[in-house]
Every structure is written in structure tokens, then in C-alpha cells.
Amino acid sequence: MRISRYKQILAIVTVGFLILTTYFLVWSYWHSVRQAEQASLMRLRGITNALALQIDGDEHEALLRTYPSKDAIVTKYQDTLYQRIHTILSKNYTANMLKTPIYTVVFDSTVSRYEFGVTSAEKPYFRHPYNSYPQTMMDMYHEGATIPMYEDEFGTWLSAFSVIKNKSGRVVALVQADEPFDVFLKTTRKEVSQNLLFSLVVLGLLFSGIIWLLQPILLKEQRSKIALAAANEQIVQLDNFRKEMIANVSHDLRTPMASILGFSETLQQKKDTLSDADQSKYLKIIHVEAQRMNHMIGELFDLTKLEAGQIILNKEPLNLTEMAQDTLYAYSERAKDKQIRLLTEFEQMVQMVDADAFWMNRVLQNLMSNAFKYVNSGGLVKFSIYMEPGLLHLKVCNSGHPIEVAHLPFIFDRYFKSSNHHSDSTGLGLAISKKIIELHGGRIWAEVNDNITTFRFSLKTT
């Protein structure tokens, strides 16, 4: 009876393990697919954005107007305009190691269909109808977009397209780049199947050996397995967190990097045709995006050091009221420009706290910067400091579109982005502030009341 009961327990554990393994493998498969899809789409969009800036829309329009019929161009050397655009596409095709040709597409309104224009391929397919175009191309014709995984008669694809405009700003064509996705999907599915089969074999051998060899001490081993399962769960959680962090960092850094690469390539290839004003504009964009990347990396580095316990606080008696006044003064000009009312409510005879001045100033700057991002013009930002027995409280309130109440428990999580998240925010400032306050033995939290968002923290007084 005892052995039979142990076998039943082992059978339940085995089934549970199989379910979890299957779930994790399926989840890993889709996670890998989505990560690869996202990275490829960002890369393709960067390529097409850069190409759209390099291709002269008036030249492309003139080429299509000169040759209105199918196969009017049969070699890349037949027309200088075709050859010029083909050379641009071909160089980018080679430089980016793409597997399928890059091409331009035009919409022929006389027959209500898309047709191919210029291609990076050696043999033109000029004016051939594009019958299997994705619906996104029709919906976003005037804006450009990425096209997530889709299928046609030739397989599974990822695509991106950007608009080519003439000097008057009218869209005259699209430039599209594709990436075949079938091989990646097939390889990933094969790996998942192999991992599942391997897990089944290992699991069968493991439990057979345990039943045969360790029947007298199965109850004791059960406790060890519980501890091992907890350790494995922690490893899985840490691995998932690491993957999520890498995906978020990669995503946030790709956006400024794509702009830097696109505009620097444009400056390099078209510097003789760009006006001084355009060159200055592109250089300014490159500089701003580089500063943005530097800020992201700096905040990530600071948060990593804080979480790793590598920060040694230099605590000293600190007057937070004076520090808050300095912070308010630093933002006074910005408040005037945005017509924002800066209000204060400082209790008299505020006690000092033992704190590191550098890191506490970082918290105040982060909270004030966060308030200014979301306050509307004509709104208000309010600083409050008051005492409770043994505690000092500091509040930063701002009017404007409030944080959703459901998001409040997660607002200090690394890379959490609420519905009113700003694109210029790294998503790390509040996480850094929370870690600093916790290192000081305090508590920080957020509240929403009557369309007023409040961030507040409390510290023990000296």
C-alpha cells in the first residue's frame, strides 16, 4: 500500500512536470518567435526609412511616367534613372545581407492595383502586378509601416515599407524590404520538439531509477524535490526577467540607433545635394538621439549598481526642505514657459534625516521630472513636506491625465509603461527612486485622487 501510494504521488508529479514542460516549451517557442519578429521588423523598417530618404521621388515619378507599360524596362542599364535607383537598392541589399530583393511599389490608379517599380535584383520585373500585397500596405500607404508575420503563396514573411515622396511632399511610391520567416519557424519548431522528446526520455529514466532504487526513502526524497522545485522556479523567474530586460533594453536602444544610422547614412551619401539647413537638421537629430541613448545607458547602469548593492551611501544629517527648494528653483523657468503653477506646503521645524545628499537629490529630480512630463500647460505641481512622529513625509503632486489606479502597484517596476507613458522616458527613473528610498530604509508609493497624481515617500528622522 505504501509503495503504491508513493507511485501515485510520483505519477502525479510526472504528469504535472510534463504539463509544465510542455507549457514552458510552447511559451519559449512563441517568445522566441515574437522576439525574432520584433527585431527583424525594426531592422527592416530602419532599412526602408533610410532608403526612402535616399531615393529621389521626382526621379522615380519621372521613370514611371516615361515607361507606363509592363516590361518596358528589361535591363538595369536601359535607363539612367532606373540604374541610379537600382544601384541604391542594390548597395543596401548587399550591405544589410538581405535574402530577398528590395523593391519599390507604385499604385496604378488607372487599373486600381499595385505594380513593382525598381528592384535590387539584376533582372527587372518592371510594372509587373503585385497581386499578393498585404492589406497593411493599402491601409498605411501614406505613412509606411511594419508588416508582422503573414503568409502568401510563396511562404511566410516579415516586411516593412516606407513612403517615397517628391519635392512637393506627395507620396509617389513605396520602398519595401522583406525577410523570409519559414526557415526560422521550422528550425524553432524542430528544437522545441527535440527538447520535448529529450525531456520525456530523461523523465522516464529518472523516475524509473528512483522507484527501483529509492523506494525505502521516497518520503524523505519528496522533501528534497520540493526544495529543488522551488530553486528551479527561481532560476526560471530570473531567466525570464533577464530575457525581458534584454528585450526591453534592445527595443529602447534600437529606436535611437535606427535614427542615427539612417540620418548619418543620408548625410554620407547625399551630402553634396543636401542644403546646409538639412545637414544641420540631420546632425541635430543624430546628436539628440545619441544623448538619448547615453541617458538610457546611464540610468540602466545606475539601477544595476543599486540593485546589485554596489552603492555605498554617504549618510549625513540632511535638510530635505532646503534641497526641495533648490529643486523647485531649478524648475522655475520651465514652469513659467509651460504656465505651470509651482506650489509648496512645507511644515515649519522639519527634522533632519540621515541620508546621502547625492542620491536623495536624484530622487527629487526624478519625481519633479516625472511631474513635469505629465502636467498640462496651465496646470500645477505641488511640493509638500510634513512630519509625523519619527517620520518625514515628502509629496510631489501634479495635475493632468492621471495614472490608472490598476497600474499603481506596478508603476515602480523596471520598464513598466502605463497608458500615458511618454516616448522620451526610459521607464527607469521611478525604479531608481524606489531603490534609493529603500536603501535609506524608507518607503515610496503613488496615489491618484481627483485627477491629481501624487508620488510620495517617507524616511525616518534623526
Protein backbone atom coordinates (compact mmCIF):
# COMPACT_ATOMS: atom_id res chain seq x y z
CA MET A 1 0.00 0.00 0.00
CA ARG A 2 2.80 2.38 0.97
CA ILE A 3 4.77 1.74 -2.22
CA SER A 4 1.60 2.03 -4.30
CA ARG A 5 0.87 5.42 -2.72
CA TYR A 6 4.38 6.64 -3.48
CA LYS A 7 3.94 5.57 -7.10
CA GLN A 8 0.71 7.51 -7.28
CA ILE A 9 2.49 10.59 -5.96
CA LEU A 10 5.30 10.10 -8.48
CA ALA A 11 2.75 9.70 -11.27
CA ILE A 12 1.04 12.97 -10.29
CA VAL A 13 4.38 14.74 -10.14
CA THR A 14 5.32 13.28 -13.52
CA VAL A 15 2.11 14.47 -15.15
CA GLY A 16 2.50 17.90 -13.60
CA PHE A 17 6.09 18.11 -14.77
CA LEU A 18 5.06 17.13 -18.29
CA ILE A 19 2.36 19.80 -18.34
CA LEU A 20 4.75 22.46 -17.08
CA THR A 21 7.47 21.38 -19.51
CA THR A 22 5.07 21.46 -22.44
CA TYR A 23 3.74 24.85 -21.40
CA PHE A 24 7.24 26.28 -20.94
CA LEU A 25 8.43 24.93 -24.30
CA VAL A 26 5.37 26.33 -26.09
CA TRP A 27 5.79 29.65 -24.30
CA SER A 28 9.51 29.69 -25.15
CA TYR A 29 8.69 28.99 -28.79
CA TRP A 30 6.28 31.89 -29.10
CA HIS A 31 8.53 34.15 -27.06
CA SER A 32 11.44 33.38 -29.39
CA VAL A 33 9.24 33.93 -32.43
CA ARG A 34 7.99 37.30 -31.14
CA GLN A 35 11.48 38.44 -30.20
CA ALA A 36 12.87 37.48 -33.59
CA GLU A 37 9.89 39.05 -35.35
CA GLN A 38 10.24 42.31 -33.44
CA ALA A 39 13.99 42.54 -34.04
CA SER A 40 13.61 41.80 -37.76
CA LEU A 41 10.78 44.28 -38.24
CA MET A 42 12.76 47.04 -36.54
CA ARG A 43 15.73 46.24 -38.77
CA LEU A 44 13.63 46.20 -41.95
CA ARG A 45 11.93 49.48 -41.00
CA GLY A 46 15.31 51.10 -40.44
CA ILE A 47 16.47 49.94 -43.87
CA THR A 48 13.37 51.21 -45.68
CA ASN A 49 13.37 54.52 -43.80
CA ALA A 50 16.95 55.14 -44.86
CA LEU A 51 16.19 54.14 -48.46
CA ALA A 52 13.13 56.41 -48.62
CA LEU A 53 15.38 59.35 -47.81
CA GLN A 54 17.98 58.34 -50.41
CA ILE A 55 15.64 57.78 -53.36
CA ASP A 56 14.65 60.91 -55.28
CA GLY A 57 10.86 60.83 -55.51
CA ASP A 58 10.76 63.11 -58.56
CA GLU A 59 13.16 60.82 -60.43
CA HIS A 60 11.13 57.76 -59.53
CA GLU A 61 7.93 59.50 -60.65
CA ALA A 62 9.54 60.55 -63.93
CA LEU A 63 10.73 56.98 -64.56
CA LEU A 64 7.22 55.53 -64.13
CA ARG A 65 5.73 58.29 -66.27
CA THR A 66 8.23 57.62 -69.08
CA TYR A 67 7.65 53.85 -69.08
CA PRO A 68 3.95 53.23 -68.38
CA SER A 69 3.71 49.62 -69.62
CA LYS A 70 4.72 46.22 -68.25
CA ASP A 71 8.31 45.12 -69.09
CA ALA A 72 9.04 48.49 -70.67
CA ILE A 73 12.42 48.15 -68.92
CA VAL A 74 14.11 44.78 -69.33
CA THR A 75 17.69 45.52 -68.20
CA LYS A 76 19.07 47.68 -65.41
CA TYR A 77 21.21 49.60 -67.94
CA GLN A 78 18.30 50.60 -70.17
CA ASP A 79 17.57 53.87 -68.37
CA THR A 80 19.85 56.05 -66.24
CA LEU A 81 17.12 56.83 -63.70
CA TYR A 82 16.34 53.14 -63.27
CA GLN A 83 20.04 52.34 -62.98
CA ARG A 84 20.57 55.06 -60.37
CA ILE A 85 17.73 53.87 -58.12
CA HIS A 86 18.70 50.23 -58.72
CA THR A 87 22.25 50.99 -57.53
CA ILE A 88 20.95 52.49 -54.27
CA LEU A 89 18.74 49.46 -53.63
CA SER A 90 21.48 47.01 -54.59
CA LYS A 91 24.05 48.56 -52.26
CA ASN A 92 21.64 48.43 -49.33
CA TYR A 93 20.63 44.87 -50.21
CA THR A 94 24.29 43.79 -50.08
CA ALA A 95 25.24 45.89 -47.04
CA ASN A 96 22.33 44.54 -44.98
CA MET A 97 22.82 40.94 -46.18
CA LEU A 98 19.17 40.55 -47.11
CA LYS A 99 17.91 37.27 -48.54
CA THR A 100 15.31 38.71 -50.92
CA PRO A 101 15.49 41.75 -53.21
CA ILE A 102 14.45 45.22 -52.13
CA TYR A 103 11.93 46.86 -54.43
CA THR A 104 9.74 49.87 -54.96
CA VAL A 105 6.00 49.62 -55.42
CA VAL A 106 3.54 52.05 -57.01
CA PHE A 107 -0.23 52.13 -57.03
CA ASP A 108 -1.62 52.43 -60.55
CA SER A 109 -4.97 54.19 -60.08
CA THR A 110 -5.97 53.59 -63.73
CA VAL A 111 -6.25 49.85 -63.09
CA SER A 112 -6.55 50.00 -59.26
CA ARG A 113 -3.63 47.73 -58.49
CA TYR A 114 -0.10 47.75 -57.15
CA GLU A 115 2.83 47.31 -59.54
CA PHE A 116 6.54 46.77 -58.98
CA GLY A 117 8.90 49.59 -59.90
CA VAL A 118 12.66 49.33 -59.40
CA THR A 119 14.31 46.32 -57.77
CA SER A 120 17.73 45.45 -56.41
CA ALA A 121 17.59 42.21 -58.44
CA GLU A 122 19.73 42.05 -61.57
CA LYS A 123 16.75 41.34 -63.82
CA PRO A 124 13.89 43.89 -63.63
CA TYR A 125 10.27 42.88 -63.24
CA PHE A 126 9.13 46.34 -64.15
CA ARG A 127 5.41 47.11 -63.89
CA HIS A 128 4.53 43.50 -63.03
CA PRO A 129 1.33 43.37 -60.93
CA TYR A 130 1.78 42.86 -57.16
CA ASN A 131 -1.24 40.65 -56.52
CA SER A 132 -0.38 39.27 -53.08
CA TYR A 133 0.34 42.54 -51.28
CA PRO A 134 -0.63 42.65 -47.57
CA GLN A 135 -3.67 44.72 -46.62
CA THR A 136 -1.46 46.85 -44.35
CA MET A 137 0.15 48.30 -47.46
CA MET A 138 -3.21 49.66 -48.58
CA ASP A 139 -4.17 50.87 -45.09
CA MET A 140 -0.85 52.64 -44.39
CA TYR A 141 0.07 53.71 -47.93
CA HIS A 142 0.69 57.34 -46.95
CA GLU A 143 2.58 56.60 -43.72
CA GLY A 144 4.65 53.44 -44.07
CA ALA A 145 4.59 50.59 -41.55
CA THR A 146 5.96 47.23 -40.50
CA ILE A 147 4.02 44.13 -41.50
CA PRO A 148 4.11 41.34 -38.88
CA MET A 149 4.28 37.69 -39.86
CA TYR A 150 1.97 36.91 -42.80
CA GLU A 151 1.65 34.20 -45.45
CA ASP A 152 1.23 34.19 -49.20
CA GLU A 153 1.71 31.62 -51.95
CA PHE A 154 5.49 31.86 -51.56
CA GLY A 155 5.73 31.30 -47.79
CA THR A 156 5.78 33.21 -44.51
CA TRP A 157 7.21 36.73 -44.48
CA LEU A 158 8.09 39.77 -42.43
CA SER A 159 8.03 43.11 -44.26
CA ALA A 160 8.42 46.83 -43.83
CA PHE A 161 7.76 49.68 -46.21
CA SER A 162 8.36 53.42 -46.20
CA VAL A 163 6.97 56.18 -48.39
CA ILE A 164 8.91 57.88 -51.18
CA LYS A 165 7.85 61.48 -51.66
CA ASN A 166 8.51 64.02 -54.40
CA LYS A 167 9.61 67.58 -53.72
CA SER A 168 6.02 68.71 -53.22
CA GLY A 169 5.59 66.14 -50.43
CA ARG A 170 3.25 63.82 -52.33
CA VAL A 171 3.70 60.05 -51.94
CA VAL A 172 4.76 58.66 -55.32
CA ALA A 173 5.89 55.16 -54.38
CA LEU A 174 6.78 52.78 -51.56
CA VAL A 175 10.09 51.06 -50.91
CA GLN A 176 9.69 47.60 -49.37
CA ALA A 177 12.09 45.10 -47.83
CA ASP A 178 11.15 41.52 -46.91
CA GLU A 179 12.59 38.73 -44.84
CA PRO A 180 11.56 35.09 -45.22
CA PHE A 181 10.49 33.59 -41.89
CA ASP A 182 9.82 29.96 -42.82
CA VAL A 183 13.32 28.66 -42.02
CA PHE A 184 13.35 30.26 -38.58
CA LEU A 185 9.90 28.87 -37.72
CA LYS A 186 10.82 25.39 -38.95
CA THR A 187 14.11 25.37 -37.01
CA THR A 188 12.47 26.65 -33.82
CA ARG A 189 9.66 24.09 -34.01
CA LYS A 190 12.20 21.32 -34.53
CA GLU A 191 14.16 22.45 -31.47
CA VAL A 192 11.00 22.52 -29.36
CA SER A 193 10.06 19.01 -30.49
CA GLN A 194 13.57 17.71 -29.77
CA ASN A 195 13.58 19.34 -26.34
CA LEU A 196 10.19 17.85 -25.53
CA LEU A 197 11.27 14.37 -26.62
CA PHE A 198 14.52 14.64 -24.68
CA SER A 199 12.60 15.77 -21.59
CA LEU A 200 10.30 12.75 -21.85
CA VAL A 201 13.20 10.31 -22.14
CA VAL A 202 15.10 11.86 -19.24
CA LEU A 203 11.95 11.99 -17.13
CA GLY A 204 11.16 8.32 -17.77
CA LEU A 205 14.66 7.16 -16.89
CA LEU A 206 14.83 9.36 -13.83
CA PHE A 207 11.60 8.20 -12.22
CA SER A 208 12.18 4.54 -13.12
CA GLY A 209 15.52 4.67 -11.33
CA ILE A 210 14.03 6.40 -8.30
CA ILE A 211 11.23 3.81 -7.96
CA TRP A 212 13.65 0.91 -8.29
CA LEU A 213 16.46 2.19 -6.09
CA LEU A 214 14.94 4.59 -3.58
CA GLN A 215 11.62 3.09 -2.52
CA PRO A 216 12.55 2.93 1.21
CA ILE A 217 13.32 6.67 1.39
CA LEU A 218 10.83 8.15 -1.10
CA LEU A 219 9.17 10.22 1.61
CA LYS A 220 12.45 11.87 2.53
CA GLU A 221 13.30 12.47 -1.11
CA GLN A 222 9.95 14.14 -1.54
CA ARG A 223 11.08 16.99 0.69
CA SER A 224 14.27 17.40 -1.30
CA LYS A 225 12.27 17.57 -4.51
CA ILE A 226 10.09 20.35 -3.12
CA ALA A 227 13.18 22.38 -2.30
CA LEU A 228 14.65 21.63 -5.73
CA ALA A 229 11.41 22.66 -7.46
CA ALA A 230 11.48 25.98 -5.62
CA ALA A 231 15.09 26.56 -6.71
CA ASN A 232 14.24 25.69 -10.30
CA GLU A 233 11.29 28.07 -10.23
CA GLN A 234 13.54 30.86 -9.02
CA ILE A 235 16.01 30.13 -11.83
CA VAL A 236 13.18 30.22 -14.38
CA GLN A 237 11.94 33.52 -12.97
CA LEU A 238 15.43 35.03 -13.07
CA ASP A 239 15.92 33.79 -16.62
CA ASN A 240 12.57 35.22 -17.70
CA PHE A 241 13.44 38.54 -16.07
CA ARG A 242 16.81 38.57 -17.83
CA LYS A 243 15.19 37.88 -21.20
CA GLU A 244 12.57 40.56 -20.63
CA MET A 245 15.20 43.10 -19.57
CA ILE A 246 17.35 42.36 -22.62
CA ALA A 247 14.32 42.64 -24.90
CA ASN A 248 13.31 45.99 -23.37
CA VAL A 249 16.83 47.43 -23.50
CA SER A 250 17.28 46.23 -27.08
CA HIS A 251 13.94 47.70 -28.12
CA ASP A 252 14.62 51.08 -26.47
CA LEU A 253 18.14 51.34 -27.91
CA ARG A 254 17.12 50.28 -31.43
CA THR A 255 14.87 53.30 -31.91
CA PRO A 256 17.55 56.00 -31.48
CA MET A 257 20.12 53.75 -33.17
CA ALA A 258 17.92 53.43 -36.28
CA SER A 259 17.63 57.23 -36.47
CA ILE A 260 21.37 57.71 -36.00
CA LEU A 261 22.22 55.14 -38.67
CA GLY A 262 19.57 56.38 -41.10
CA PHE A 263 20.44 60.06 -40.92
CA SER A 264 24.20 59.52 -40.81
CA GLU A 265 23.95 57.34 -43.90
CA THR A 266 21.88 60.01 -45.62
CA LEU A 267 24.48 62.66 -44.74
CA GLN A 268 27.24 60.45 -46.09
CA GLN A 269 25.56 59.53 -49.35
CA LYS A 270 23.72 62.76 -50.16
CA LYS A 271 25.96 65.41 -48.55
CA ASP A 272 26.55 67.09 -51.95
CA THR A 273 22.83 67.53 -52.61
CA LEU A 274 21.59 68.40 -49.11
CA SER A 275 21.22 72.04 -48.14
CA ASP A 276 23.10 73.43 -45.14
CA ALA A 277 19.80 73.65 -43.28
CA ASP A 278 19.01 69.96 -43.91
CA GLN A 279 22.52 68.90 -42.92
CA SER A 280 22.26 70.91 -39.70
CA LYS A 281 18.83 69.41 -39.03
CA TYR A 282 20.07 65.83 -39.53
CA LEU A 283 23.14 66.43 -37.35
CA LYS A 284 20.93 67.83 -34.61
CA ILE A 285 18.70 64.73 -34.77
CA ILE A 286 21.76 62.46 -34.57
CA HIS A 287 23.06 64.44 -31.56
CA VAL A 288 19.71 64.32 -29.74
CA GLU A 289 19.30 60.57 -30.35
CA ALA A 290 22.88 59.92 -29.17
CA GLN A 291 22.18 61.88 -25.98
CA ARG A 292 19.02 59.85 -25.53
CA MET A 293 20.97 56.60 -25.82
CA ASN A 294 23.57 57.87 -23.38
CA HIS A 295 20.85 58.78 -20.87
CA MET A 296 19.25 55.33 -21.21
CA ILE A 297 22.58 53.56 -20.67
CA GLY A 298 23.42 55.79 -17.69
CA GLU A 299 20.11 55.12 -15.96
CA LEU A 300 20.36 51.38 -16.61
CA PHE A 301 23.91 51.36 -15.20
CA ASP A 302 22.82 53.25 -12.07
CA LEU A 303 19.85 50.94 -11.48
CA THR A 304 22.05 47.87 -11.97
CA LYS A 305 24.53 49.14 -9.37
CA LEU A 306 21.72 49.95 -6.94
CA GLU A 307 20.11 46.53 -7.32
CA ALA A 308 23.48 44.76 -7.02
CA GLY A 309 24.22 46.53 -3.73
CA GLN A 310 27.31 48.22 -5.16
CA ILE A 311 26.31 51.67 -3.88
CA ILE A 312 27.72 52.73 -0.51
CA LEU A 313 25.62 55.53 0.95
CA ASN A 314 27.44 58.52 2.43
CA LYS A 315 24.82 59.41 5.03
CA GLU A 316 24.82 62.71 6.88
CA PRO A 317 22.19 64.93 8.54
CA LEU A 318 20.21 66.38 5.64
CA ASN A 319 17.63 69.16 5.44
CA LEU A 320 15.20 67.99 2.78
CA THR A 321 13.30 71.28 2.83
CA GLU A 322 16.35 73.18 1.58
CA MET A 323 17.02 70.54 -1.07
CA ALA A 324 13.38 70.66 -2.22
CA GLN A 325 13.56 74.46 -2.53
CA ASP A 326 16.70 74.15 -4.68
CA THR A 327 14.91 71.64 -6.91
CA LEU A 328 11.91 73.94 -7.29
CA TYR A 329 14.16 76.86 -8.18
CA ALA A 330 15.85 74.77 -10.90
CA TYR A 331 12.44 74.11 -12.49
CA SER A 332 11.03 77.63 -12.09
CA GLU A 333 11.91 78.76 -15.63
CA ARG A 334 10.40 75.65 -17.18
CA ALA A 335 7.28 76.26 -15.11
CA LYS A 336 6.97 79.79 -16.48
CA ASP A 337 7.40 78.58 -20.06
CA LYS A 338 4.61 76.00 -19.65
CA GLN A 339 2.48 78.31 -17.46
CA ILE A 340 2.61 75.80 -14.63
CA ARG A 341 1.90 76.86 -11.06
CA LEU A 342 4.58 75.71 -8.60
CA LEU A 343 3.05 75.37 -5.12
CA THR A 344 4.69 74.46 -1.82
CA GLU A 345 3.43 73.36 1.57
CA PHE A 346 6.42 72.99 3.89
CA GLU A 347 5.79 72.39 7.57
CA GLN A 348 7.90 74.51 9.87
CA MET A 349 10.54 72.94 12.11
CA VAL A 350 11.09 69.93 9.88
CA GLN A 351 13.55 67.47 11.39
CA MET A 352 16.62 66.32 9.51
CA VAL A 353 17.11 62.82 8.11
CA ASP A 354 20.26 60.72 7.80
CA ALA A 355 20.67 60.43 4.05
CA ASP A 356 23.09 60.59 1.13
CA ALA A 357 22.69 64.07 -0.39
CA PHE A 358 23.65 62.97 -3.92
CA TRP A 359 21.17 60.12 -4.14
CA MET A 360 18.35 61.97 -2.38
CA ASN A 361 18.78 64.82 -4.86
CA ARG A 362 18.47 62.19 -7.61
CA VAL A 363 15.09 61.13 -6.16
CA LEU A 364 13.79 64.70 -6.04
CA GLN A 365 14.97 65.37 -9.59
CA ASN A 366 13.31 62.16 -10.84
CA LEU A 367 9.99 62.94 -9.15
CA MET A 368 9.97 66.54 -10.37
CA SER A 369 10.94 65.50 -13.91
CA ASN A 370 8.16 62.89 -13.88
CA ALA A 371 5.62 65.51 -12.73
CA PHE A 372 6.62 67.93 -15.49
CA LYS A 373 6.24 65.26 -18.16
CA TYR A 374 2.58 64.69 -17.38
CA VAL A 375 1.31 68.05 -16.16
CA ASN A 376 -0.73 70.00 -18.70
CA SER A 377 0.02 73.58 -19.67
CA GLY A 378 -1.72 75.80 -17.13
CA GLY A 379 -1.73 73.02 -14.54
CA LEU A 380 0.04 72.76 -11.20
CA VAL A 381 2.89 70.94 -9.48
CA LYS A 382 2.94 70.93 -5.69
CA PHE A 383 5.75 70.05 -3.26
CA SER A 384 4.71 69.15 0.31
CA ILE A 385 6.81 68.22 3.34
CA TYR A 386 5.32 67.41 6.74
CA MET A 387 6.15 65.45 9.87
CA GLU A 388 4.70 62.50 11.75
CA PRO A 389 6.21 61.06 14.93
CA GLY A 390 9.59 59.70 13.83
CA LEU A 391 8.84 60.13 10.12
CA LEU A 392 9.31 62.79 7.47
CA HIS A 393 6.91 62.73 4.51
CA LEU A 394 7.55 64.34 1.12
CA LYS A 395 4.92 64.55 -1.65
CA VAL A 396 5.12 65.68 -5.29
CA CYS A 397 1.69 66.20 -6.87
CA ASN A 398 0.77 67.16 -10.42
CA SER A 399 -2.44 67.75 -12.31
CA GLY A 400 -3.09 66.28 -15.74
CA HIS A 401 -4.08 62.88 -17.07
CA PRO A 402 -3.71 60.61 -14.01
CA ILE A 403 -2.17 57.16 -13.82
CA GLU A 404 -4.72 54.36 -13.98
CA VAL A 405 -5.45 53.04 -10.49
CA ALA A 406 -4.87 49.46 -11.68
CA HIS A 407 -1.29 50.44 -12.65
CA LEU A 408 -0.31 51.90 -9.26
CA PRO A 409 1.13 48.63 -7.82
CA PHE A 410 3.44 48.30 -10.84
CA ILE A 411 4.46 51.91 -11.51
CA PHE A 412 7.86 51.48 -9.82
CA ASP A 413 8.72 48.27 -11.69
CA ARG A 414 11.63 48.38 -14.09
CA TYR A 415 10.44 49.22 -17.65
CA PHE A 416 6.77 49.33 -16.67
CA LYS A 417 4.93 51.63 -19.10
CA SER A 418 1.47 52.93 -18.33
CA SER A 419 -1.12 54.04 -20.87
CA ASN A 420 0.04 57.67 -20.68
CA HIS A 421 3.74 56.78 -20.93
CA HIS A 422 5.93 59.35 -22.73
CA SER A 423 8.13 58.12 -25.60
CA ASP A 424 11.12 60.15 -24.32
CA SER A 425 11.07 58.35 -20.94
CA THR A 426 13.39 55.42 -20.27
CA GLY A 427 10.99 53.88 -17.76
CA LEU A 428 13.80 53.58 -15.18
CA GLY A 429 13.55 56.83 -13.18
CA LEU A 430 10.88 55.64 -10.77
CA ALA A 431 12.57 52.25 -10.33
CA ILE A 432 15.81 54.07 -9.43
CA SER A 433 13.96 56.32 -6.98
CA LYS A 434 12.34 53.33 -5.28
CA LYS A 435 15.67 51.56 -4.84
CA ILE A 436 17.30 54.69 -3.39
CA ILE A 437 14.50 55.20 -0.86
CA GLU A 438 14.57 51.53 0.13
CA LEU A 439 18.35 51.70 0.64
CA HIS A 440 17.66 54.57 3.06
CA GLY A 441 15.17 52.39 4.96
CA GLY A 442 12.17 54.34 3.69
CA ARG A 443 9.04 53.66 1.66
CA ILE A 444 7.85 55.20 -1.62
CA TRP A 445 4.44 54.87 -3.30
CA ALA A 446 1.99 56.56 -5.67
CA GLU A 447 -1.61 57.73 -5.27
CA VAL A 448 -4.34 59.12 -7.54
CA ASN A 449 -7.17 61.32 -6.34
CA ASP A 450 -9.44 63.74 -8.26
CA ASN A 451 -7.20 63.72 -11.38
CA ILE A 452 -4.17 64.54 -9.22
CA THR A 453 -1.24 62.12 -9.34
CA THR A 454 0.90 62.04 -6.19
CA PHE A 455 4.29 60.42 -5.63
CA ARG A 456 5.37 60.35 -2.00
CA PHE A 457 7.97 58.82 0.25
CA SER A 458 8.68 58.69 3.96
CA LEU A 459 12.01 58.49 5.84
CA LYS A 460 12.90 58.05 9.48
CA THR A 461 14.08 61.25 11.15
CA THR A 462 17.26 61.60 13.18
